Structures are given as C-alpha cells and as structure tokens.
Amino acid sequence: MNLMSILTIGWYTLQPLLWVIVVAVALLVLVQLLARVRGYYFLAPAKIVSVVMSFMVGLWAMVIVPILTDSSFTMVATGFDWFALTLVGLGVGAYCWLIVHPMIYLFRPSLP
C-alpha cells in the first residue's frame, strides 16, 4: 500500500468526525487565548486536580475508543494495537490537560 492510499483511507475515516475535530481545536484555542490574556503561562504550577483529571480521562478514552469503533478488547491483540490504544489515551489525556489546567487558572478564587 502506498502513501496516497493510506492518506485516502485516513481522509475518509476522518470526514464524518471533522466537525468534532474543528470544535475541539476551537475550544482549545479559545481556552488558551482567554487564559493567556489573563496572565496564564504554560509552566504555571500544575494543580493536582488537572493532572489526575487528565489521567482519568485518558484511561476512560482507552476504554471507550474500542466501543466507539464497533470493536472490543479481544480485537486489540497485537503490540501495535496496544501501542495505538496507548497513544490514544496519552493524546486525549494531554488534550484534557491543555484544557483543564488553564480553566483552573481562570476559575481560581481571587486573592484579596
């Protein structure tokens, strides 16, 4: 299979979910811009809540993705399948952290 075939299959796979991707990117940009306007920076002290929440959402994604693709854990058989599923969990967890961490900064109680 050549690269063009792989890209074609990938495009047809992403087309039904393109609106979800656009909304997710718009949410990420909106939250990051709003937080940065109010003084947020990437290396701000991480709240344990954002780390734990991101980890839990990443694990949840690893469980729910096979169900969303009409698959099951019995079909996740090879090392490549588990690697891909782990990358999905890490990606969703990182995305969640990029949303939750600035949100916690935005909604922190104001200091007197």
C-alpha atoms as a PDB file:
ATOM      1  CA  MET A   1       0.000   0.000   0.000  1.00  0.00           C
ATOM      2  CA  ASN A   2       1.458   3.349  -0.980  1.00  0.00           C
ATOM      3  CA  LEU A   3       1.302   6.624   0.924  1.00  0.00           C
ATOM      4  CA  MET A   4      -1.508   8.068  -1.196  1.00  0.00           C
ATOM      5  CA  SER A   5      -3.733   5.064  -0.396  1.00  0.00           C
ATOM      6  CA  ILE A   6      -3.038   5.453   3.313  1.00  0.00           C
ATOM      7  CA  LEU A   7      -3.857   9.172   3.190  1.00  0.00           C
ATOM      8  CA  THR A   8      -7.073   8.479   1.252  1.00  0.00           C
ATOM      9  CA  ILE A   9      -8.238   5.926   3.814  1.00  0.00           C
ATOM     10  CA  GLY A  10      -7.339   8.323   6.619  1.00  0.00           C
ATOM     11  CA  TRP A  11      -9.296  11.151   4.978  1.00  0.00           C
ATOM     12  CA  TYR A  12     -12.416   9.029   4.517  1.00  0.00           C
ATOM     13  CA  THR A  13     -12.131   7.899   8.128  1.00  0.00           C
ATOM     14  CA  LEU A  14     -11.872  11.471   9.435  1.00  0.00           C
ATOM     15  CA  GLN A  15     -14.611  13.020   7.288  1.00  0.00           C
ATOM     16  CA  PRO A  16     -17.594  12.028   9.474  1.00  0.00           C
ATOM     17  CA  LEU A  17     -15.801  13.343  12.561  1.00  0.00           C
ATOM     18  CA  LEU A  18     -14.398  16.506  11.035  1.00  0.00           C
ATOM     19  CA  TRP A  19     -16.878  18.699  12.884  1.00  0.00           C
ATOM     20  CA  VAL A  20     -15.774  17.201  16.215  1.00  0.00           C
ATOM     21  CA  ILE A  21     -12.141  17.943  15.378  1.00  0.00           C
ATOM     22  CA  VAL A  22     -12.963  21.538  14.435  1.00  0.00           C
ATOM     23  CA  VAL A  23     -14.940  22.081  17.663  1.00  0.00           C
ATOM     24  CA  ALA A  24     -12.129  20.536  19.750  1.00  0.00           C
ATOM     25  CA  VAL A  25      -9.475  22.749  18.148  1.00  0.00           C
ATOM     26  CA  ALA A  26     -11.680  25.837  18.536  1.00  0.00           C
ATOM     27  CA  LEU A  27     -12.257  25.033  22.231  1.00  0.00           C
ATOM     28  CA  LEU A  28      -8.538  24.555  22.804  1.00  0.00           C
ATOM     29  CA  VAL A  29      -7.618  27.828  21.099  1.00  0.00           C
ATOM     30  CA  LEU A  30     -10.383  29.747  22.884  1.00  0.00           C
ATOM     31  CA  VAL A  31      -9.458  28.498  26.367  1.00  0.00           C
ATOM     32  CA  GLN A  32      -5.727  29.009  25.808  1.00  0.00           C
ATOM     33  CA  LEU A  33      -6.180  32.539  24.422  1.00  0.00           C
ATOM     34  CA  LEU A  34      -8.559  33.592  27.177  1.00  0.00           C
ATOM     35  CA  ALA A  35      -6.255  32.235  29.882  1.00  0.00           C
ATOM     36  CA  ARG A  36      -3.131  33.786  28.365  1.00  0.00           C
ATOM     37  CA  VAL A  37      -4.825  37.191  28.140  1.00  0.00           C
ATOM     38  CA  ARG A  38      -5.427  36.918  31.888  1.00  0.00           C
ATOM     39  CA  GLY A  39      -1.822  36.031  32.700  1.00  0.00           C
ATOM     40  CA  TYR A  40      -1.657  32.252  32.362  1.00  0.00           C
ATOM     41  CA  TYR A  41       1.608  30.728  31.215  1.00  0.00           C
ATOM     42  CA  PHE A  42       2.352  27.143  30.266  1.00  0.00           C
ATOM     43  CA  LEU A  43       4.671  26.394  33.174  1.00  0.00           C
ATOM     44  CA  ALA A  44       2.302  27.712  35.831  1.00  0.00           C
ATOM     45  CA  PRO A  45       2.261  25.443  38.874  1.00  0.00           C
ATOM     46  CA  ALA A  46       0.153  22.410  37.972  1.00  0.00           C
ATOM     47  CA  LYS A  47      -2.747  21.696  40.239  1.00  0.00           C
ATOM     48  CA  ILE A  48      -3.017  18.038  41.151  1.00  0.00           C
ATOM     49  CA  VAL A  49      -6.673  18.153  40.104  1.00  0.00           C
ATOM     50  CA  SER A  50      -5.755  18.863  36.476  1.00  0.00           C
ATOM     51  CA  VAL A  51      -3.185  16.051  36.388  1.00  0.00           C
ATOM     52  CA  VAL A  52      -5.499  13.475  37.989  1.00  0.00           C
ATOM     53  CA  MET A  53      -8.438  14.509  35.832  1.00  0.00           C
ATOM     54  CA  SER A  54      -6.357  14.285  32.655  1.00  0.00           C
ATOM     55  CA  PHE A  55      -5.059  10.854  33.635  1.00  0.00           C
ATOM     56  CA  MET A  56      -8.580   9.588  34.336  1.00  0.00           C
ATOM     57  CA  VAL A  57      -9.945  10.978  31.053  1.00  0.00           C
ATOM     58  CA  GLY A  58      -7.045   9.337  29.178  1.00  0.00           C
ATOM     59  CA  LEU A  59      -7.829   5.972  30.773  1.00  0.00           C
ATOM     60  CA  TRP A  60     -11.516   6.439  30.005  1.00  0.00           C
ATOM     61  CA  ALA A  61     -10.630   7.140  26.369  1.00  0.00           C
ATOM     62  CA  MET A  62      -8.643   3.907  26.195  1.00  0.00           C
ATOM     63  CA  VAL A  63     -11.754   2.024  27.341  1.00  0.00           C
ATOM     64  CA  ILE A  64     -14.298   3.866  25.222  1.00  0.00           C
ATOM     65  CA  VAL A  65     -12.427   4.057  21.881  1.00  0.00           C
ATOM     66  CA  PRO A  66     -12.826   0.340  21.026  1.00  0.00           C
ATOM     67  CA  ILE A  67     -16.541   0.643  21.782  1.00  0.00           C
ATOM     68  CA  LEU A  68     -16.901   3.733  19.553  1.00  0.00           C
ATOM     69  CA  THR A  69     -15.211   1.928  16.665  1.00  0.00           C
ATOM     70  CA  ASP A  70     -17.519  -1.116  16.950  1.00  0.00           C
ATOM     71  CA  SER A  71     -14.630  -3.172  18.250  1.00  0.00           C
ATOM     72  CA  SER A  72     -13.774  -4.855  21.536  1.00  0.00           C
ATOM     73  CA  PHE A  73     -10.722  -5.529  23.654  1.00  0.00           C
ATOM     74  CA  THR A  74     -10.482  -9.025  22.176  1.00  0.00           C
ATOM     75  CA  MET A  75      -9.669  -7.401  18.830  1.00  0.00           C
ATOM     76  CA  VAL A  76      -6.825  -5.430  20.419  1.00  0.00           C
ATOM     77  CA  ALA A  77      -4.445  -8.337  20.072  1.00  0.00           C
ATOM     78  CA  THR A  78      -1.060  -7.247  18.752  1.00  0.00           C
ATOM     79  CA  GLY A  79       1.534  -4.962  20.231  1.00  0.00           C
ATOM     80  CA  PHE A  80       0.792  -2.362  17.560  1.00  0.00           C
ATOM     81  CA  ASP A  81      -2.880  -2.323  18.583  1.00  0.00           C
ATOM     82  CA  TRP A  82      -1.994  -1.776  22.228  1.00  0.00           C
ATOM     83  CA  PHE A  83       0.555   0.872  21.233  1.00  0.00           C
ATOM     84  CA  ALA A  84      -2.095   2.728  19.206  1.00  0.00           C
ATOM     85  CA  LEU A  85      -4.588   2.473  22.054  1.00  0.00           C
ATOM     86  CA  THR A  86      -1.987   3.786  24.489  1.00  0.00           C
ATOM     87  CA  LEU A  87      -1.232   6.694  22.158  1.00  0.00           C
ATOM     88  CA  VAL A  88      -4.950   7.500  22.057  1.00  0.00           C
ATOM     89  CA  GLY A  89      -5.012   7.593  25.864  1.00  0.00           C
ATOM     90  CA  LEU A  90      -1.921   9.792  26.035  1.00  0.00           C
ATOM     91  CA  GLY A  91      -3.256  12.143  23.359  1.00  0.00           C
ATOM     92  CA  VAL A  92      -6.653  12.546  24.989  1.00  0.00           C
ATOM     93  CA  GLY A  93      -5.012  13.000  28.389  1.00  0.00           C
ATOM     94  CA  ALA A  94      -2.678  15.695  27.045  1.00  0.00           C
ATOM     95  CA  TYR A  95      -5.582  17.470  25.320  1.00  0.00           C
ATOM     96  CA  CYS A  96      -7.590  17.329  28.531  1.00  0.00           C
ATOM     97  CA  TRP A  97      -4.666  18.809  30.481  1.00  0.00           C
ATOM     98  CA  LEU A  98      -4.332  21.615  27.936  1.00  0.00           C
ATOM     99  CA  ILE A  99      -7.991  22.464  28.557  1.00  0.00           C
ATOM    100  CA  VAL A 100      -8.306  21.829  32.309  1.00  0.00           C
ATOM    101  CA  HIS A 101      -5.079  23.471  33.513  1.00  0.00           C
ATOM    102  CA  PRO A 102      -5.900  26.937  32.126  1.00  0.00           C
ATOM    103  CA  MET A 103      -9.545  26.550  33.182  1.00  0.00           C
ATOM    104  CA  ILE A 104      -8.441  26.001  36.785  1.00  0.00           C
ATOM    105  CA  TYR A 105      -6.265  29.109  36.447  1.00  0.00           C
ATOM    106  CA  LEU A 106      -9.222  31.099  35.123  1.00  0.00           C
ATOM    107  CA  PHE A 107     -11.656  29.985  37.810  1.00  0.00           C
ATOM    108  CA  ARG A 108      -9.309  30.171  40.797  1.00  0.00           C
ATOM    109  CA  PRO A 109     -10.591  32.135  43.740  1.00  0.00           C
ATOM    110  CA  SER A 110      -9.410  35.712  43.572  1.00  0.00           C
ATOM    111  CA  LEU A 111      -6.897  36.680  46.201  1.00  0.00           C
ATOM    112  CA  PRO A 112      -7.635  39.697  48.418  1.00  0.00           C
END
